[in-house]
Amino acid sequence: MLEELKERVCEGNVALAEHGLVIFTWGNLSEIDFEKKIVAIKPSGVSFEELETEDIVLVDLEGKVVEGDKRPSSDTPTHLEIYRNFPKIKSVVHTHSTHATTFAQALKGIECFGTTHADHFFGKVPVTRKLSEEEIVNDYEANTGKVIVETVEEKKIDPLQVPACLVANHGPFVFGETAEKTVENAVVLEQVARMNIETLKVNPETKAIDQALLDKHFLRKHGKNAYYGQG
């Protein structure tokens, strides 16, 4: 089971590069086995092009390495904070993808302007507050996770209905029920961020989608009454 977990995490990390969401070593993907309380995550500083299944590091929920001869991603404490607080989330992706990171740097959430966004995110993708100097100096990565949790909880967001959060001045963290689905969510997030930037060039006064249209598009794909596709 853990070998399969490592394989999925390796494949997911490689897919981030294949989709153009990461370059060099900029980003990481993890997946958790909640039954075993084990997280598989990309090792720190290893390029996506060179990544192999045996490189994937296994850690427990306190961040202790239980398997692997490499150091886990420096963002591991952020991932663990998310897993400890949101048991629905089984996988986390962090990238510095251009357009989503642009919104994070601008301290702006990604508004839902149209049905492409609504098909995947049930409303605005939020941005966190800025970290304080103390939060940056002491336990920076863990505090990054805490500010994500704070933002999701304060805005009363279901993290699988809006499976992403932008960390102020940093970049996107994306969530899902599997590594594969989380990669898909990260791809879609980058695409809708790009669409938003182009939309605002055409009309800087663009308003959010009507609630009825948002509901229709999201709920026809998700939830008990979903009817889109062949499932």
C-alpha atoms as a PDB file:
ATOM      1  CA  MET A   1       0.000   0.000   0.000  1.00  0.00           C
ATOM      2  CA  LEU A   2       2.751   2.471   0.882  1.00  0.00           C
ATOM      3  CA  GLU A   3       4.664   1.612  -2.285  1.00  0.00           C
ATOM      4  CA  GLU A   4       1.513   2.421  -4.287  1.00  0.00           C
ATOM      5  CA  LEU A   5       1.212   5.677  -2.359  1.00  0.00           C
ATOM      6  CA  LYS A   6       4.788   6.596  -3.278  1.00  0.00           C
ATOM      7  CA  GLU A   7       4.147   5.744  -6.925  1.00  0.00           C
ATOM      8  CA  ARG A   8       1.052   7.954  -7.055  1.00  0.00           C
ATOM      9  CA  VAL A   9       2.912  10.828  -5.432  1.00  0.00           C
ATOM     10  CA  CYS A  10       5.852  10.480  -7.802  1.00  0.00           C
ATOM     11  CA  GLU A  11       3.519  10.405 -10.814  1.00  0.00           C
ATOM     12  CA  GLY A  12       1.613  13.420  -9.492  1.00  0.00           C
ATOM     13  CA  ASN A  13       4.764  15.467  -9.021  1.00  0.00           C
ATOM     14  CA  VAL A  14       5.974  14.590 -12.519  1.00  0.00           C
ATOM     15  CA  ALA A  15       2.548  15.562 -13.889  1.00  0.00           C
ATOM     16  CA  LEU A  16       2.916  19.044 -12.394  1.00  0.00           C
ATOM     17  CA  ALA A  17       5.967  19.570 -14.587  1.00  0.00           C
ATOM     18  CA  GLU A  18       4.282  18.024 -17.632  1.00  0.00           C
ATOM     19  CA  HIS A  19       1.398  20.510 -17.252  1.00  0.00           C
ATOM     20  CA  GLY A  20       3.797  23.433 -16.995  1.00  0.00           C
ATOM     21  CA  LEU A  21       2.845  24.310 -13.418  1.00  0.00           C
ATOM     22  CA  VAL A  22       6.374  23.973 -12.009  1.00  0.00           C
ATOM     23  CA  ILE A  23       9.948  24.475 -13.143  1.00  0.00           C
ATOM     24  CA  PHE A  24      13.253  23.399 -11.593  1.00  0.00           C
ATOM     25  CA  THR A  25      12.285  22.426  -8.003  1.00  0.00           C
ATOM     26  CA  TRP A  26       9.515  25.006  -7.495  1.00  0.00           C
ATOM     27  CA  GLY A  27       6.691  23.081  -5.886  1.00  0.00           C
ATOM     28  CA  ASN A  28       5.586  19.795  -4.426  1.00  0.00           C
ATOM     29  CA  LEU A  29       2.753  17.299  -4.135  1.00  0.00           C
ATOM     30  CA  SER A  30       1.862  15.018  -1.255  1.00  0.00           C
ATOM     31  CA  GLU A  31      -0.795  12.441  -0.472  1.00  0.00           C
ATOM     32  CA  ILE A  32      -1.818  11.032   2.904  1.00  0.00           C
ATOM     33  CA  ASP A  33      -2.840   7.558   4.041  1.00  0.00           C
ATOM     34  CA  PHE A  34      -5.052   8.535   6.971  1.00  0.00           C
ATOM     35  CA  GLU A  35      -5.437   4.931   8.131  1.00  0.00           C
ATOM     36  CA  LYS A  36      -1.680   4.550   8.546  1.00  0.00           C
ATOM     37  CA  LYS A  37      -1.178   8.249   9.372  1.00  0.00           C
ATOM     38  CA  ILE A  38       1.607   8.423   6.787  1.00  0.00           C
ATOM     39  CA  VAL A  39       2.241  11.198   4.259  1.00  0.00           C
ATOM     40  CA  ALA A  40       4.222  10.698   1.063  1.00  0.00           C
ATOM     41  CA  ILE A  41       5.851  13.865  -0.264  1.00  0.00           C
ATOM     42  CA  LYS A  42       8.438  15.060  -2.758  1.00  0.00           C
ATOM     43  CA  PRO A  43      11.991  15.389  -1.388  1.00  0.00           C
ATOM     44  CA  SER A  44      13.483  18.837  -0.991  1.00  0.00           C
ATOM     45  CA  GLY A  45      15.505  20.269  -3.859  1.00  0.00           C
ATOM     46  CA  VAL A  46      15.092  17.353  -6.277  1.00  0.00           C
ATOM     47  CA  SER A  47      14.111  18.390  -9.801  1.00  0.00           C
ATOM     48  CA  PHE A  48      10.886  17.040 -11.235  1.00  0.00           C
ATOM     49  CA  GLU A  49      12.740  15.681 -14.272  1.00  0.00           C
ATOM     50  CA  GLU A  50      14.986  13.529 -12.068  1.00  0.00           C
ATOM     51  CA  LEU A  51      12.339  12.361  -9.611  1.00  0.00           C
ATOM     52  CA  GLU A  52      11.916   8.600  -9.094  1.00  0.00           C
ATOM     53  CA  THR A  53       9.517   6.634  -6.889  1.00  0.00           C
ATOM     54  CA  GLU A  54      12.325   5.661  -4.513  1.00  0.00           C
ATOM     55  CA  ASP A  55      13.025   9.378  -3.914  1.00  0.00           C
ATOM     56  CA  ILE A  56       9.601   9.971  -2.350  1.00  0.00           C
ATOM     57  CA  VAL A  57       9.822  10.476   1.408  1.00  0.00           C
ATOM     58  CA  LEU A  58       7.341   9.068   3.938  1.00  0.00           C
ATOM     59  CA  VAL A  59       6.698  11.061   7.107  1.00  0.00           C
ATOM     60  CA  ASP A  60       4.283  10.759  10.009  1.00  0.00           C
ATOM     61  CA  LEU A  61       1.855  13.513  10.992  1.00  0.00           C
ATOM     62  CA  GLU A  62       4.500  15.103  13.205  1.00  0.00           C
ATOM     63  CA  GLY A  63       6.935  15.326  10.291  1.00  0.00           C
ATOM     64  CA  LYS A  64       9.264  12.526  11.386  1.00  0.00           C
ATOM     65  CA  VAL A  65      10.759  10.616   8.448  1.00  0.00           C
ATOM     66  CA  VAL A  66       9.671   6.973   8.555  1.00  0.00           C
ATOM     67  CA  GLU A  67      11.063   5.949   5.165  1.00  0.00           C
ATOM     68  CA  GLY A  68      13.460   7.512   2.676  1.00  0.00           C
ATOM     69  CA  ASP A  69      17.070   8.667   2.587  1.00  0.00           C
ATOM     70  CA  LYS A  70      16.325  12.237   1.479  1.00  0.00           C
ATOM     71  CA  ARG A  71      14.980  15.242   3.356  1.00  0.00           C
ATOM     72  CA  PRO A  72      11.270  15.847   2.727  1.00  0.00           C
ATOM     73  CA  SER A  73      10.106  19.063   1.086  1.00  0.00           C
ATOM     74  CA  SER A  74      10.674  22.178   3.157  1.00  0.00           C
ATOM     75  CA  ASP A  75       6.916  22.777   2.782  1.00  0.00           C
ATOM     76  CA  THR A  76       6.105  19.535   4.632  1.00  0.00           C
ATOM     77  CA  PRO A  77       4.913  21.344   7.795  1.00  0.00           C
ATOM     78  CA  THR A  78       2.423  23.292   5.671  1.00  0.00           C
ATOM     79  CA  HIS A  79       1.011  20.108   4.164  1.00  0.00           C
ATOM     80  CA  LEU A  80       0.789  18.443   7.576  1.00  0.00           C
ATOM     81  CA  GLU A  81      -1.075  21.380   9.092  1.00  0.00           C
ATOM     82  CA  ILE A  82      -3.668  21.092   6.324  1.00  0.00           C
ATOM     83  CA  TYR A  83      -4.060  17.334   6.792  1.00  0.00           C
ATOM     84  CA  ARG A  84      -4.394  17.628  10.568  1.00  0.00           C
ATOM     85  CA  ASN A  85      -7.258  20.090  10.211  1.00  0.00           C
ATOM     86  CA  PHE A  86      -9.141  18.874   7.134  1.00  0.00           C
ATOM     87  CA  PRO A  87      -9.663  15.092   7.059  1.00  0.00           C
ATOM     88  CA  LYS A  88     -11.525  15.381   3.736  1.00  0.00           C
ATOM     89  CA  ILE A  89      -8.294  16.445   2.047  1.00  0.00           C
ATOM     90  CA  LYS A  90      -6.156  13.493   0.933  1.00  0.00           C
ATOM     91  CA  SER A  91      -3.664  15.330  -1.278  1.00  0.00           C
ATOM     92  CA  VAL A  92      -2.018  18.767  -1.348  1.00  0.00           C
ATOM     93  CA  VAL A  93      -0.178  20.516  -4.184  1.00  0.00           C
ATOM     94  CA  HIS A  94       1.907  23.662  -3.953  1.00  0.00           C
ATOM     95  CA  THR A  95       3.129  25.425  -7.069  1.00  0.00           C
ATOM     96  CA  HIS A  96       4.397  28.806  -8.145  1.00  0.00           C
ATOM     97  CA  SER A  97       2.373  28.701 -11.365  1.00  0.00           C
ATOM     98  CA  THR A  98       2.526  32.106 -13.029  1.00  0.00           C
ATOM     99  CA  HIS A  99      -1.044  33.379 -13.067  1.00  0.00           C
ATOM    100  CA  ALA A 100      -2.259  31.980  -9.751  1.00  0.00           C
ATOM    101  CA  THR A 101       0.910  33.270  -8.092  1.00  0.00           C
ATOM    102  CA  THR A 102       0.273  36.683  -9.649  1.00  0.00           C
ATOM    103  CA  PHE A 103      -2.975  36.900  -7.693  1.00  0.00           C
ATOM    104  CA  ALA A 104      -1.226  35.753  -4.507  1.00  0.00           C
ATOM    105  CA  GLN A 105       1.426  38.440  -4.935  1.00  0.00           C
ATOM    106  CA  ALA A 106      -1.268  41.057  -5.576  1.00  0.00           C
ATOM    107  CA  LEU A 107      -3.063  39.904  -2.393  1.00  0.00           C
ATOM    108  CA  LYS A 108      -6.208  39.267  -4.429  1.00  0.00           C
ATOM    109  CA  GLY A 109      -8.482  36.252  -4.456  1.00  0.00           C
ATOM    110  CA  ILE A 110      -9.559  34.758  -7.775  1.00  0.00           C
ATOM    111  CA  GLU A 111     -13.151  35.842  -8.341  1.00  0.00           C
ATOM    112  CA  CYS A 112     -15.566  33.548 -10.159  1.00  0.00           C
ATOM    113  CA  PHE A 113     -16.319  35.408 -13.385  1.00  0.00           C
ATOM    114  CA  GLY A 114     -17.654  32.558 -15.485  1.00  0.00           C
ATOM    115  CA  THR A 115     -18.759  28.970 -15.877  1.00  0.00           C
ATOM    116  CA  THR A 116     -15.272  27.533 -16.434  1.00  0.00           C
ATOM    117  CA  HIS A 117     -14.407  28.557 -12.889  1.00  0.00           C
ATOM    118  CA  ALA A 118     -17.845  27.539 -11.590  1.00  0.00           C
ATOM    119  CA  ASP A 119     -17.494  24.019 -12.974  1.00  0.00           C
ATOM    120  CA  HIS A 120     -14.584  23.399 -10.599  1.00  0.00           C
ATOM    121  CA  PHE A 121     -14.606  25.956  -7.765  1.00  0.00           C
ATOM    122  CA  PHE A 122     -17.803  26.834  -5.908  1.00  0.00           C
ATOM    123  CA  GLY A 123     -17.020  30.530  -5.691  1.00  0.00           C
ATOM    124  CA  LYS A 124     -14.038  32.780  -5.140  1.00  0.00           C
ATOM    125  CA  VAL A 125     -10.635  31.245  -4.434  1.00  0.00           C
ATOM    126  CA  PRO A 126      -9.484  33.108  -1.302  1.00  0.00           C
ATOM    127  CA  VAL A 127      -6.183  34.712  -0.440  1.00  0.00           C
ATOM    128  CA  THR A 128      -4.778  34.606   3.084  1.00  0.00           C
ATOM    129  CA  ARG A 129      -3.755  37.553   5.196  1.00  0.00           C
ATOM    130  CA  LYS A 130      -0.057  38.399   5.244  1.00  0.00           C
ATOM    131  CA  LEU A 131       2.034  36.557   7.786  1.00  0.00           C
ATOM    132  CA  SER A 132       3.365  38.638  10.645  1.00  0.00           C
ATOM    133  CA  GLU A 133       7.104  39.061  11.150  1.00  0.00           C
ATOM    134  CA  GLU A 134       6.921  36.716  14.141  1.00  0.00           C
ATOM    135  CA  GLU A 135       5.109  34.084  12.085  1.00  0.00           C
ATOM    136  CA  ILE A 136       7.770  34.350   9.386  1.00  0.00           C
ATOM    137  CA  VAL A 137      10.728  34.156  11.744  1.00  0.00           C
ATOM    138  CA  ASN A 138       9.344  31.339  13.917  1.00  0.00           C
ATOM    139  CA  ASP A 139       7.979  28.139  12.294  1.00  0.00           C
ATOM    140  CA  TYR A 140       7.367  29.806   8.929  1.00  0.00           C
ATOM    141  CA  GLU A 141       6.198  26.714   7.049  1.00  0.00           C
ATOM    142  CA  ALA A 142       3.875  25.548   9.844  1.00  0.00           C
ATOM    143  CA  ASN A 143       2.452  29.057  10.136  1.00  0.00           C
ATOM    144  CA  THR A 144       1.832  29.065   6.389  1.00  0.00           C
ATOM    145  CA  GLY A 145      -0.361  26.020   6.932  1.00  0.00           C
ATOM    146  CA  LYS A 146      -2.066  27.658   9.881  1.00  0.00           C
ATOM    147  CA  VAL A 147      -2.961  30.781   7.897  1.00  0.00           C
ATOM    148  CA  ILE A 148      -4.448  28.567   5.159  1.00  0.00           C
ATOM    149  CA  VAL A 149      -6.559  26.767   7.765  1.00  0.00           C
ATOM    150  CA  GLU A 150      -7.530  30.109   9.314  1.00  0.00           C
ATOM    151  CA  THR A 151      -8.648  31.499   5.947  1.00  0.00           C
ATOM    152  CA  VAL A 152     -10.696  28.448   4.971  1.00  0.00           C
ATOM    153  CA  GLU A 153     -12.408  28.334   8.364  1.00  0.00           C
ATOM    154  CA  GLU A 154     -13.087  32.068   8.615  1.00  0.00           C
ATOM    155  CA  LYS A 155     -14.677  32.109   5.165  1.00  0.00           C
ATOM    156  CA  LYS A 156     -16.670  28.945   5.977  1.00  0.00           C
ATOM    157  CA  ILE A 157     -15.372  27.207   2.853  1.00  0.00           C
ATOM    158  CA  ASP A 158     -15.675  23.494   2.148  1.00  0.00           C
ATOM    159  CA  PRO A 159     -12.081  22.799   1.028  1.00  0.00           C
ATOM    160  CA  LEU A 160     -13.255  20.222  -1.506  1.00  0.00           C
ATOM    161  CA  GLN A 161     -15.761  22.650  -3.048  1.00  0.00           C
ATOM    162  CA  VAL A 162     -13.195  25.454  -3.259  1.00  0.00           C
ATOM    163  CA  PRO A 163     -10.085  23.257  -3.322  1.00  0.00           C
ATOM    164  CA  ALA A 164      -7.422  25.957  -3.300  1.00  0.00           C
ATOM    165  CA  CYS A 165      -6.107  28.838  -1.239  1.00  0.00           C
ATOM    166  CA  LEU A 166      -3.626  31.532  -2.248  1.00  0.00           C
ATOM    167  CA  VAL A 167      -0.998  32.361   0.353  1.00  0.00           C
ATOM    168  CA  ALA A 168      -0.317  36.101   0.362  1.00  0.00           C
ATOM    169  CA  ASN A 169       2.956  37.041  -1.384  1.00  0.00           C
ATOM    170  CA  HIS A 170       3.680  33.344  -1.929  1.00  0.00           C
ATOM    171  CA  GLY A 171       1.514  31.181  -4.173  1.00  0.00           C
ATOM    172  CA  PRO A 172      -1.279  28.623  -4.436  1.00  0.00           C
ATOM    173  CA  PHE A 173      -1.906  25.549  -2.316  1.00  0.00           C
ATOM    174  CA  VAL A 174      -4.402  23.187  -3.890  1.00  0.00           C
ATOM    175  CA  PHE A 175      -6.388  20.305  -2.371  1.00  0.00           C
ATOM    176  CA  GLY A 176      -8.080  17.114  -3.493  1.00  0.00           C
ATOM    177  CA  GLU A 177      -9.206  13.604  -2.619  1.00  0.00           C
ATOM    178  CA  THR A 178      -6.428  11.979  -4.673  1.00  0.00           C
ATOM    179  CA  ALA A 179      -3.088  13.077  -6.067  1.00  0.00           C
ATOM    180  CA  GLU A 180      -4.479  12.866  -9.602  1.00  0.00           C
ATOM    181  CA  LYS A 181      -7.505  15.028  -8.766  1.00  0.00           C
ATOM    182  CA  THR A 182      -5.345  17.576  -6.963  1.00  0.00           C
ATOM    183  CA  VAL A 183      -3.124  17.946 -10.021  1.00  0.00           C
ATOM    184  CA  GLU A 184      -6.264  18.519 -12.107  1.00  0.00           C
ATOM    185  CA  ASN A 185      -7.443  21.159  -9.638  1.00  0.00           C
ATOM    186  CA  ALA A 186      -4.064  22.899  -9.848  1.00  0.00           C
ATOM    187  CA  VAL A 187      -4.217  22.922 -13.665  1.00  0.00           C
ATOM    188  CA  VAL A 188      -7.726  24.381 -13.609  1.00  0.00           C
ATOM    189  CA  LEU A 189      -6.762  26.975 -11.001  1.00  0.00           C
ATOM    190  CA  GLU A 190      -3.930  28.234 -13.194  1.00  0.00           C
ATOM    191  CA  GLN A 191      -6.219  28.374 -16.225  1.00  0.00           C
ATOM    192  CA  VAL A 192      -8.982  30.345 -14.479  1.00  0.00           C
ATOM    193  CA  ALA A 193      -6.388  32.708 -12.994  1.00  0.00           C
ATOM    194  CA  ARG A 194      -5.113  33.359 -16.502  1.00  0.00           C
ATOM    195  CA  MET A 195      -8.667  33.893 -17.761  1.00  0.00           C
ATOM    196  CA  ASN A 196      -9.327  36.368 -14.947  1.00  0.00           C
ATOM    197  CA  ILE A 197      -6.273  38.431 -15.800  1.00  0.00           C
ATOM    198  CA  GLU A 198      -7.325  38.584 -19.457  1.00  0.00           C
ATOM    199  CA  THR A 199     -10.945  39.367 -18.500  1.00  0.00           C
ATOM    200  CA  LEU A 200      -9.874  42.259 -16.313  1.00  0.00           C
ATOM    201  CA  LYS A 201      -7.856  43.663 -19.213  1.00  0.00           C
ATOM    202  CA  VAL A 202     -11.025  43.749 -21.310  1.00  0.00           C
ATOM    203  CA  ASN A 203     -13.227  45.060 -18.503  1.00  0.00           C
ATOM    204  CA  PRO A 204     -11.608  46.090 -15.201  1.00  0.00           C
ATOM    205  CA  GLU A 205     -15.111  46.437 -13.724  1.00  0.00           C
ATOM    206  CA  THR A 206     -16.118  42.806 -14.327  1.00  0.00           C
ATOM    207  CA  LYS A 207     -18.403  41.477 -11.583  1.00  0.00           C
ATOM    208  CA  ALA A 208     -18.730  37.984 -10.145  1.00  0.00           C
ATOM    209  CA  ILE A 209     -20.956  35.437 -11.827  1.00  0.00           C
ATOM    210  CA  ASP A 210     -24.624  35.396 -10.791  1.00  0.00           C
ATOM    211  CA  GLN A 211     -25.238  32.997  -7.916  1.00  0.00           C
ATOM    212  CA  ALA A 212     -27.861  31.038  -9.890  1.00  0.00           C
ATOM    213  CA  LEU A 213     -25.381  30.333 -12.694  1.00  0.00           C
ATOM    214  CA  LEU A 214     -22.617  29.476 -10.228  1.00  0.00           C
ATOM    215  CA  ASP A 215     -24.937  27.025  -8.456  1.00  0.00           C
ATOM    216  CA  LYS A 216     -26.087  25.464 -11.716  1.00  0.00           C
ATOM    217  CA  HIS A 217     -22.626  24.823 -13.089  1.00  0.00           C
ATOM    218  CA  PHE A 218     -20.995  23.606  -9.902  1.00  0.00           C
ATOM    219  CA  LEU A 219     -23.860  21.431  -8.713  1.00  0.00           C
ATOM    220  CA  ARG A 220     -24.480  19.770 -12.071  1.00  0.00           C
ATOM    221  CA  LYS A 221     -20.965  18.306 -11.725  1.00  0.00           C
ATOM    222  CA  HIS A 222     -20.723  17.854  -7.959  1.00  0.00           C
ATOM    223  CA  GLY A 223     -22.981  16.612  -5.174  1.00  0.00           C
ATOM    224  CA  LYS A 224     -25.851  14.179  -4.887  1.00  0.00           C
ATOM    225  CA  ASN A 225     -27.853  15.601  -7.804  1.00  0.00           C
ATOM    226  CA  ALA A 226     -24.954  15.879 -10.258  1.00  0.00           C
ATOM    227  CA  TYR A 227     -25.845  14.823 -13.786  1.00  0.00           C
ATOM    228  CA  TYR A 228     -22.810  15.818 -15.896  1.00  0.00           C
ATOM    229  CA  GLY A 229     -20.835  12.999 -17.547  1.00  0.00           C
ATOM    230  CA  GLN A 230     -21.334   9.241 -17.637  1.00  0.00           C
ATOM    231  CA  GLY A 231     -20.751   8.373 -13.979  1.00  0.00           C
END
